[in-house]
């Protein structure tokens, strides 16, 4: 009986490892060691840095959070269901996990009490990681009633500083003045799907304005990423990397 249990455990472990290995990864050198980016799907990511795991917008239908590493820090950009999933948070939450919410997320999260609300303009240092919140919102893309899909003030984009590398997590935004005025961004994640976030042309406009060294389009659905690559191919200081998101 013990042999059967051990065999089942080994099979489950191997299956979990195989599923985990399906994650796409990129790594970057920083002044404080290696930064590993794991690409889950849509807007869900997680980072490995300085012995810690930082999850961004974990959503259960985007990946298998039962086998992903538990979080030291969870960062949520806004309250929509493809970004805020309380079940996924519970799956990766440890006793000492720090959770970053917007005010709107707080209103929808009655069963989670251990969180920090970060407001636009705040710069916090949590677990040694500097986190700056800037607004994420629509200017042009709106609902039939004329209201933007993402009103200004409800959602955040974040600049995360890993050693000497500054990483922009765009959340659900357009090419707003706040995004275009950014400086010294090494890695940028910009959303690229209609009607909720940016057109390809908006991403190109934003990238040409703040010139990240590496640009990842994400949250892009059925958008043709090859068009983005073509439109930015002459910008030699912007490397466009495409992942299955």
Protein backbone atom coordinates (compact mmCIF):
# COMPACT_ATOMS: atom_id res chain seq x y z
CA UNK A 1 0.00 0.00 0.00
CA UNK A 2 2.85 2.36 0.88
CA UNK A 3 4.46 1.67 -2.50
CA UNK A 4 1.21 2.60 -4.26
CA UNK A 5 0.93 5.87 -2.30
CA UNK A 6 4.56 6.75 -3.02
CA UNK A 7 4.06 5.95 -6.72
CA UNK A 8 0.96 8.17 -6.87
CA UNK A 9 2.87 11.00 -5.16
CA UNK A 10 5.71 10.66 -7.66
CA UNK A 11 3.29 10.69 -10.60
CA UNK A 12 1.52 13.79 -9.23
CA UNK A 13 4.86 15.52 -8.62
CA UNK A 14 6.02 14.76 -12.15
CA UNK A 15 2.72 16.02 -13.59
CA UNK A 16 3.01 19.23 -11.58
CA UNK A 17 6.58 19.76 -12.71
CA UNK A 18 5.58 19.17 -16.33
CA UNK A 19 2.75 21.71 -16.07
CA UNK A 20 5.02 24.19 -14.35
CA UNK A 21 7.59 23.77 -17.08
CA UNK A 22 4.99 24.88 -19.63
CA UNK A 23 5.35 28.39 -18.27
CA UNK A 24 7.27 30.74 -20.50
CA UNK A 25 10.15 32.45 -18.74
CA UNK A 26 12.61 35.27 -19.37
CA UNK A 27 15.43 36.31 -17.07
CA UNK A 28 17.27 39.59 -16.61
CA UNK A 29 20.40 40.51 -14.70
CA UNK A 30 19.99 43.25 -12.12
CA UNK A 31 22.28 44.90 -9.61
CA UNK A 32 20.71 42.69 -6.92
CA UNK A 33 20.70 39.37 -8.75
CA UNK A 34 18.61 37.63 -11.35
CA UNK A 35 15.03 38.64 -12.12
CA UNK A 36 12.94 35.81 -13.58
CA UNK A 37 9.61 36.62 -15.23
CA UNK A 38 7.02 33.86 -15.55
CA UNK A 39 4.30 34.48 -18.12
CA UNK A 40 1.02 32.83 -17.17
CA UNK A 41 -1.71 34.18 -19.46
CA UNK A 42 -3.62 37.36 -20.24
CA UNK A 43 -2.53 39.79 -17.48
CA UNK A 44 -1.26 37.18 -15.01
CA UNK A 45 2.47 37.04 -14.32
CA UNK A 46 4.81 36.22 -11.50
CA UNK A 47 8.34 37.32 -10.75
CA UNK A 48 11.15 35.54 -8.92
CA UNK A 49 13.62 37.93 -7.33
CA UNK A 50 15.91 37.99 -4.31
CA UNK A 51 14.42 34.78 -2.96
CA UNK A 52 10.86 36.09 -3.18
CA UNK A 53 7.83 35.42 -5.38
CA UNK A 54 5.75 38.37 -6.61
CA UNK A 55 2.44 37.53 -8.31
CA UNK A 56 0.68 40.06 -10.57
CA UNK A 57 -3.09 39.78 -11.10
CA UNK A 58 -3.36 36.03 -10.39
CA UNK A 59 -6.52 34.58 -11.95
CA UNK A 60 -7.33 30.87 -11.67
CA UNK A 61 -8.70 30.46 -15.18
CA UNK A 62 -5.44 31.81 -16.60
CA UNK A 63 -3.15 29.28 -14.95
CA UNK A 64 -2.81 26.47 -12.42
CA UNK A 65 -2.28 28.33 -9.16
CA UNK A 66 -2.39 25.07 -7.24
CA UNK A 67 1.14 24.33 -8.46
CA UNK A 68 2.63 27.81 -8.80
CA UNK A 69 4.86 28.94 -5.94
CA UNK A 70 3.23 30.69 -3.01
CA UNK A 71 3.46 34.45 -2.98
CA UNK A 72 5.52 36.72 -0.78
CA UNK A 73 3.76 39.62 -2.47
CA UNK A 74 0.57 39.83 -4.57
CA UNK A 75 -0.11 42.97 -6.60
CA UNK A 76 -3.54 43.66 -8.11
CA UNK A 77 -3.99 46.38 -10.74
CA UNK A 78 -7.78 46.70 -10.49
CA UNK A 79 -11.05 45.03 -9.56
CA UNK A 80 -12.25 43.46 -12.84
CA UNK A 81 -12.63 39.67 -12.78
CA UNK A 82 -9.79 38.99 -15.19
CA UNK A 83 -7.41 40.75 -12.77
CA UNK A 84 -8.89 40.22 -9.28
CA UNK A 85 -9.65 36.61 -8.38
CA UNK A 86 -10.02 36.00 -4.64
CA UNK A 87 -9.87 32.22 -5.08
CA UNK A 88 -6.50 32.43 -6.85
CA UNK A 89 -5.24 34.75 -4.13
CA UNK A 90 -6.24 32.24 -1.45
CA UNK A 91 -4.40 29.48 -3.32
CA UNK A 92 -1.05 31.27 -3.26
CA UNK A 93 -1.40 33.27 -0.04
CA UNK A 94 0.86 32.40 2.88
CA UNK A 95 0.63 33.57 6.47
CA UNK A 96 2.94 36.51 5.84
CA UNK A 97 1.98 37.32 2.23
CA UNK A 98 1.58 41.03 1.53
CA UNK A 99 -1.30 41.96 -0.81
CA UNK A 100 -1.54 45.23 -2.72
CA UNK A 101 -5.08 46.39 -3.56
CA UNK A 102 -6.70 49.44 -5.05
CA UNK A 103 -9.53 51.07 -3.10
CA UNK A 104 -12.07 49.41 -5.40
CA UNK A 105 -10.50 45.99 -4.80
CA UNK A 106 -10.86 46.58 -1.07
CA UNK A 107 -14.61 47.11 -1.46
CA UNK A 108 -14.99 43.72 -3.18
CA UNK A 109 -12.77 41.69 -0.86
CA UNK A 110 -14.69 41.21 2.36
CA UNK A 111 -13.08 37.84 3.12
CA UNK A 112 -9.50 39.10 2.82
CA UNK A 113 -8.40 41.41 5.60
CA UNK A 114 -4.61 41.38 5.32
CA UNK A 115 -3.94 43.86 2.52
CA UNK A 116 -2.44 47.27 1.79
CA UNK A 117 -4.35 49.83 -0.27
CA UNK A 118 -2.07 51.77 -2.58
CA UNK A 119 -3.30 55.00 -4.12
CA UNK A 120 -2.16 56.79 -7.26
CA UNK A 121 1.02 58.66 -6.52
CA UNK A 122 2.02 56.43 -3.62
CA UNK A 123 5.54 54.98 -3.55
CA UNK A 124 5.88 52.09 -1.11
CA UNK A 125 8.71 49.72 -0.27
CA UNK A 126 7.45 46.24 0.59
CA UNK A 127 9.71 43.23 1.08
CA UNK A 128 12.55 45.38 -0.22
CA UNK A 129 10.71 46.11 -3.48
CA UNK A 130 9.82 49.68 -4.43
CA UNK A 131 6.30 50.00 -5.86
CA UNK A 132 4.99 53.18 -7.45
CA UNK A 133 1.34 53.53 -8.44
CA UNK A 134 0.29 55.58 -11.46
CA UNK A 135 -3.19 55.83 -13.01
CA UNK A 136 -4.44 53.31 -15.55
CA UNK A 137 -7.49 54.40 -17.49
CA UNK A 138 -9.26 54.92 -20.83
CA UNK A 139 -9.44 58.16 -22.76
CA UNK A 140 -11.02 57.00 -26.02
CA UNK A 141 -12.48 53.51 -25.48
CA UNK A 142 -15.90 53.73 -23.82
CA UNK A 143 -19.05 51.74 -23.14
CA UNK A 144 -22.25 52.38 -25.12
CA UNK A 145 -23.40 54.73 -22.34
CA UNK A 146 -20.32 56.92 -22.87
CA UNK A 147 -18.52 55.86 -19.69
CA UNK A 148 -14.93 54.67 -20.11
CA UNK A 149 -14.27 50.98 -19.59
CA UNK A 150 -11.70 51.99 -16.98
CA UNK A 151 -12.39 55.38 -15.39
CA UNK A 152 -9.45 57.34 -14.09
CA UNK A 153 -8.89 56.71 -10.41
CA UNK A 154 -10.19 53.13 -10.24
CA UNK A 155 -7.21 51.18 -11.53
CA UNK A 156 -3.46 51.36 -11.18
CA UNK A 157 -0.42 50.73 -13.28
CA UNK A 158 2.74 50.03 -11.31
CA UNK A 159 6.43 50.68 -11.62
CA UNK A 160 8.37 47.98 -9.78
CA UNK A 161 12.07 48.45 -9.07
CA UNK A 162 14.18 45.28 -9.03
CA UNK A 163 17.70 46.42 -8.18
CA UNK A 164 18.61 48.72 -11.07
CA UNK A 165 15.75 47.55 -13.32
CA UNK A 166 12.45 49.43 -13.51
CA UNK A 167 9.47 47.39 -14.70
CA UNK A 168 6.15 48.87 -15.79
CA UNK A 169 3.00 46.79 -15.27
CA UNK A 170 0.43 48.63 -17.37
CA UNK A 171 -2.77 47.05 -16.08
CA UNK A 172 -5.76 48.13 -18.17
CA UNK A 173 -4.81 51.47 -19.63
CA UNK A 174 -4.42 53.46 -22.82
CA UNK A 175 -1.50 55.62 -23.95
CA UNK A 176 -2.25 58.23 -21.32
CA UNK A 177 -0.07 61.27 -20.60
CA UNK A 178 1.10 59.60 -17.38
CA UNK A 179 2.29 56.53 -19.30
CA UNK A 180 3.91 58.51 -22.09
CA UNK A 181 5.84 60.74 -19.69
CA UNK A 182 7.60 57.88 -17.93
CA UNK A 183 11.39 57.79 -17.84
CA UNK A 184 14.02 55.09 -17.51
CA UNK A 185 11.76 52.07 -17.92
CA UNK A 186 13.75 48.91 -18.62
CA UNK A 187 10.87 46.47 -19.11
CA UNK A 188 7.29 47.39 -19.98
CA UNK A 189 4.09 45.37 -20.09
CA UNK A 190 1.45 47.19 -22.11
CA UNK A 191 -2.09 45.86 -22.71
CA UNK A 192 -3.18 45.61 -26.32
CA UNK A 193 -6.75 44.55 -26.95
CA UNK A 194 -9.93 46.28 -27.99
CA UNK A 195 -12.27 47.60 -26.94
CA UNK A 196 -10.93 47.65 -23.39
CA UNK A 197 -7.34 48.85 -23.59
CA UNK A 198 -4.95 49.94 -26.34
CA UNK A 199 -4.98 49.57 -30.07
CA UNK A 200 -1.69 48.51 -31.64
CA UNK A 201 -1.18 52.12 -32.68
CA UNK A 202 -1.65 53.30 -29.09
CA UNK A 203 1.01 50.86 -27.89
CA UNK A 204 3.36 52.10 -30.61
CA UNK A 205 2.69 55.71 -29.62
CA UNK A 206 3.34 54.99 -25.94
CA UNK A 207 6.48 52.97 -26.62
CA UNK A 208 7.95 55.68 -28.85
CA UNK A 209 7.23 58.24 -26.13
CA UNK A 210 8.82 56.57 -23.07
CA UNK A 211 11.09 54.10 -24.93
CA UNK A 212 11.33 51.00 -22.74
CA UNK A 213 14.37 48.85 -23.43
CA UNK A 214 12.16 45.73 -23.63
CA UNK A 215 8.47 45.83 -24.50
CA UNK A 216 6.06 42.98 -23.88
CA UNK A 217 2.53 43.38 -25.20
CA UNK A 218 0.19 41.47 -22.89
CA UNK A 219 -3.56 41.10 -22.31
CA UNK A 220 -3.75 41.07 -26.11
CA UNK A 221 -6.35 38.40 -26.92
CA UNK A 222 -6.68 37.96 -30.68
CA UNK A 223 -4.71 41.09 -31.60
CA UNK A 224 -2.07 40.48 -34.28
CA UNK A 225 1.22 40.99 -32.48
CA UNK A 226 3.20 40.80 -35.73
CA UNK A 227 1.84 44.21 -36.68
CA UNK A 228 3.30 45.69 -33.49
CA UNK A 229 6.69 44.15 -34.29
CA UNK A 230 6.55 45.58 -37.80
CA UNK A 231 5.61 49.08 -36.65
CA UNK A 232 8.45 49.19 -34.12
CA UNK A 233 11.16 47.42 -36.13
CA UNK A 234 12.96 50.69 -36.90
CA UNK A 235 13.19 51.60 -33.20
CA UNK A 236 16.53 49.95 -32.51
CA UNK A 237 16.56 50.82 -28.80
CA UNK A 238 13.17 49.12 -28.15
CA UNK A 239 13.21 45.33 -28.18
CA UNK A 240 9.73 43.87 -28.69
CA UNK A 241 9.32 40.41 -27.19
CA UNK A 242 6.20 38.36 -27.90
CA UNK A 243 4.92 35.73 -25.47
CA UNK A 244 1.75 33.66 -25.69
CA UNK A 245 -0.52 35.76 -23.50
